[in-house]
Amino acid sequence: MSIMLCSGTSRPPGGVTFGVLALLRFMFVQRFALETKGRQLEEIQRKNSELAEIL
């Protein structure tokens, strides 16, 4: 049994889709965007290159 959020369709409403994508983007940025406050440019570049090797 499936729950129908919209009358007569099996697609989720646009707000739900937007919310899920926004949450995924937020989690991606939290995980992969490095904090740069108080760091030297060379240190930031070194961390980015280390991350690039992992991915």
N, C-alpha and C. Protein backbone atom coordinates (compact mmCIF):
# COMPACT_ATOMS: atom_id res chain seq x y z
N MET A 1 0.84 -1.18 0.00
CA MET A 1 0.00 0.00 0.00
C MET A 1 0.88 1.23 0.00
N SER A 2 0.65 2.14 -0.92
CA SER A 2 1.45 3.36 -0.98
C SER A 2 0.61 4.55 -0.56
N ILE A 3 1.28 5.52 0.01
CA ILE A 3 0.59 6.73 0.44
C ILE A 3 0.65 7.73 -0.70
N MET A 4 -0.49 8.22 -1.10
CA MET A 4 -0.56 9.20 -2.18
C MET A 4 -0.55 10.60 -1.56
N LEU A 5 0.49 11.38 -1.84
CA LEU A 5 0.55 12.72 -1.31
C LEU A 5 -0.20 13.71 -2.19
N CYS A 6 -0.34 13.40 -3.45
CA CYS A 6 -1.08 14.25 -4.39
C CYS A 6 -2.30 13.48 -4.84
N SER A 7 -3.35 14.17 -5.09
CA SER A 7 -4.56 13.48 -5.53
C SER A 7 -4.40 12.97 -6.95
N GLY A 8 -4.45 11.68 -7.14
CA GLY A 8 -4.46 11.07 -8.46
C GLY A 8 -3.11 10.86 -9.11
N THR A 9 -2.01 11.23 -8.48
CA THR A 9 -0.69 11.00 -9.07
C THR A 9 0.19 10.24 -8.09
N SER A 10 1.24 9.66 -8.62
CA SER A 10 2.17 8.95 -7.75
C SER A 10 3.44 9.75 -7.52
N ARG A 11 3.52 10.97 -8.08
CA ARG A 11 4.69 11.81 -7.88
C ARG A 11 4.56 12.61 -6.59
N PRO A 12 5.68 12.83 -5.87
CA PRO A 12 5.61 13.66 -4.67
C PRO A 12 5.41 15.12 -5.06
N PRO A 13 4.84 15.92 -4.20
CA PRO A 13 4.68 17.34 -4.51
C PRO A 13 6.03 18.02 -4.65
N GLY A 14 6.06 19.11 -5.40
CA GLY A 14 7.31 19.82 -5.68
C GLY A 14 8.03 20.27 -4.42
N GLY A 15 7.30 20.65 -3.40
CA GLY A 15 7.92 21.11 -2.16
C GLY A 15 8.72 20.00 -1.47
N VAL A 16 8.21 18.79 -1.53
CA VAL A 16 8.91 17.65 -0.93
C VAL A 16 10.20 17.38 -1.70
N THR A 17 10.11 17.39 -3.02
CA THR A 17 11.30 17.17 -3.84
C THR A 17 12.35 18.24 -3.59
N PHE A 18 11.92 19.50 -3.55
CA PHE A 18 12.84 20.61 -3.28
C PHE A 18 13.49 20.45 -1.91
N GLY A 19 12.70 20.09 -0.91
CA GLY A 19 13.22 19.93 0.44
C GLY A 19 14.26 18.83 0.54
N VAL A 20 14.00 17.72 -0.12
CA VAL A 20 14.95 16.59 -0.09
C VAL A 20 16.25 16.99 -0.78
N LEU A 21 16.16 17.65 -1.93
CA LEU A 21 17.37 18.08 -2.64
C LEU A 21 18.14 19.12 -1.84
N ALA A 22 17.43 20.03 -1.17
CA ALA A 22 18.09 21.04 -0.34
C ALA A 22 18.83 20.37 0.81
N LEU A 23 18.22 19.37 1.41
CA LEU A 23 18.87 18.65 2.51
C LEU A 23 20.12 17.93 2.02
N LEU A 24 20.04 17.29 0.85
CA LEU A 24 21.21 16.61 0.30
C LEU A 24 22.33 17.59 0.00
N ARG A 25 22.00 18.76 -0.55
CA ARG A 25 23.03 19.78 -0.82
C ARG A 25 23.66 20.26 0.48
N PHE A 26 22.86 20.47 1.49
CA PHE A 26 23.38 20.92 2.78
C PHE A 26 24.36 19.90 3.36
N MET A 27 23.99 18.62 3.31
CA MET A 27 24.88 17.57 3.85
C MET A 27 26.17 17.49 3.04
N PHE A 28 26.09 17.66 1.73
CA PHE A 28 27.29 17.62 0.88
C PHE A 28 28.24 18.76 1.26
N VAL A 29 27.70 19.96 1.42
CA VAL A 29 28.54 21.11 1.75
C VAL A 29 29.14 20.94 3.15
N GLN A 30 28.36 20.47 4.11
CA GLN A 30 28.88 20.24 5.46
C GLN A 30 30.03 19.24 5.45
N ARG A 31 29.95 18.26 4.58
CA ARG A 31 30.96 17.19 4.55
C ARG A 31 32.21 17.60 3.77
N PHE A 32 32.03 18.28 2.62
CA PHE A 32 33.15 18.48 1.72
C PHE A 32 33.68 19.90 1.63
N ALA A 33 32.94 20.90 2.07
CA ALA A 33 33.45 22.28 2.04
C ALA A 33 34.27 22.51 3.31
N LEU A 34 35.50 22.87 3.13
CA LEU A 34 36.40 23.02 4.26
C LEU A 34 36.24 24.40 4.90
N GLU A 35 36.42 24.47 6.22
CA GLU A 35 36.41 25.73 6.93
C GLU A 35 37.72 26.45 6.62
N THR A 36 37.64 27.72 6.26
CA THR A 36 38.83 28.45 5.85
C THR A 36 39.17 29.60 6.78
N LYS A 37 38.36 29.88 7.77
CA LYS A 37 38.60 31.00 8.66
C LYS A 37 39.88 30.78 9.48
N GLY A 38 40.78 31.74 9.39
CA GLY A 38 42.02 31.67 10.18
C GLY A 38 43.09 30.78 9.59
N ARG A 39 42.92 30.31 8.37
CA ARG A 39 43.93 29.44 7.74
C ARG A 39 44.67 30.18 6.65
N GLN A 40 45.90 29.78 6.43
CA GLN A 40 46.70 30.34 5.35
C GLN A 40 46.30 29.68 4.04
N LEU A 41 46.51 30.40 2.93
CA LEU A 41 46.13 29.91 1.61
C LEU A 41 46.82 28.58 1.29
N GLU A 42 48.07 28.45 1.65
CA GLU A 42 48.82 27.22 1.34
C GLU A 42 48.21 26.02 2.07
N GLU A 43 47.78 26.23 3.30
CA GLU A 43 47.17 25.13 4.06
C GLU A 43 45.84 24.71 3.43
N ILE A 44 45.05 25.68 2.99
CA ILE A 44 43.77 25.38 2.33
C ILE A 44 44.01 24.60 1.04
N GLN A 45 44.99 25.04 0.24
CA GLN A 45 45.29 24.35 -1.01
C GLN A 45 45.77 22.93 -0.76
N ARG A 46 46.57 22.73 0.27
CA ARG A 46 47.07 21.39 0.60
C ARG A 46 45.91 20.47 1.00
N LYS A 47 44.97 20.97 1.83
CA LYS A 47 43.82 20.16 2.22
C LYS A 47 42.94 19.83 1.03
N ASN A 48 42.73 20.79 0.13
CA ASN A 48 41.92 20.55 -1.06
C ASN A 48 42.56 19.50 -1.95
N SER A 49 43.88 19.53 -2.10
CA SER A 49 44.54 18.53 -2.94
C SER A 49 44.47 17.14 -2.30
N GLU A 50 44.54 17.07 -0.98
CA GLU A 50 44.38 15.78 -0.27
C GLU A 50 42.98 15.23 -0.47
N LEU A 51 41.99 16.10 -0.40
CA LEU A 51 40.61 15.68 -0.60
C LEU A 51 40.39 15.21 -2.04
N ALA A 52 41.01 15.88 -3.01
CA ALA A 52 40.87 15.51 -4.41
C ALA A 52 41.45 14.11 -4.66
N GLU A 53 42.52 13.78 -3.96
CA GLU A 53 43.11 12.44 -4.12
C GLU A 53 42.18 11.36 -3.58
N ILE A 54 41.46 11.67 -2.53
CA ILE A 54 40.53 10.70 -1.94
C ILE A 54 39.35 10.44 -2.89
N LEU A 55 38.83 11.53 -3.47
CA LEU A 55 37.67 11.38 -4.35
C LEU A 55 38.12 10.88 -5.68
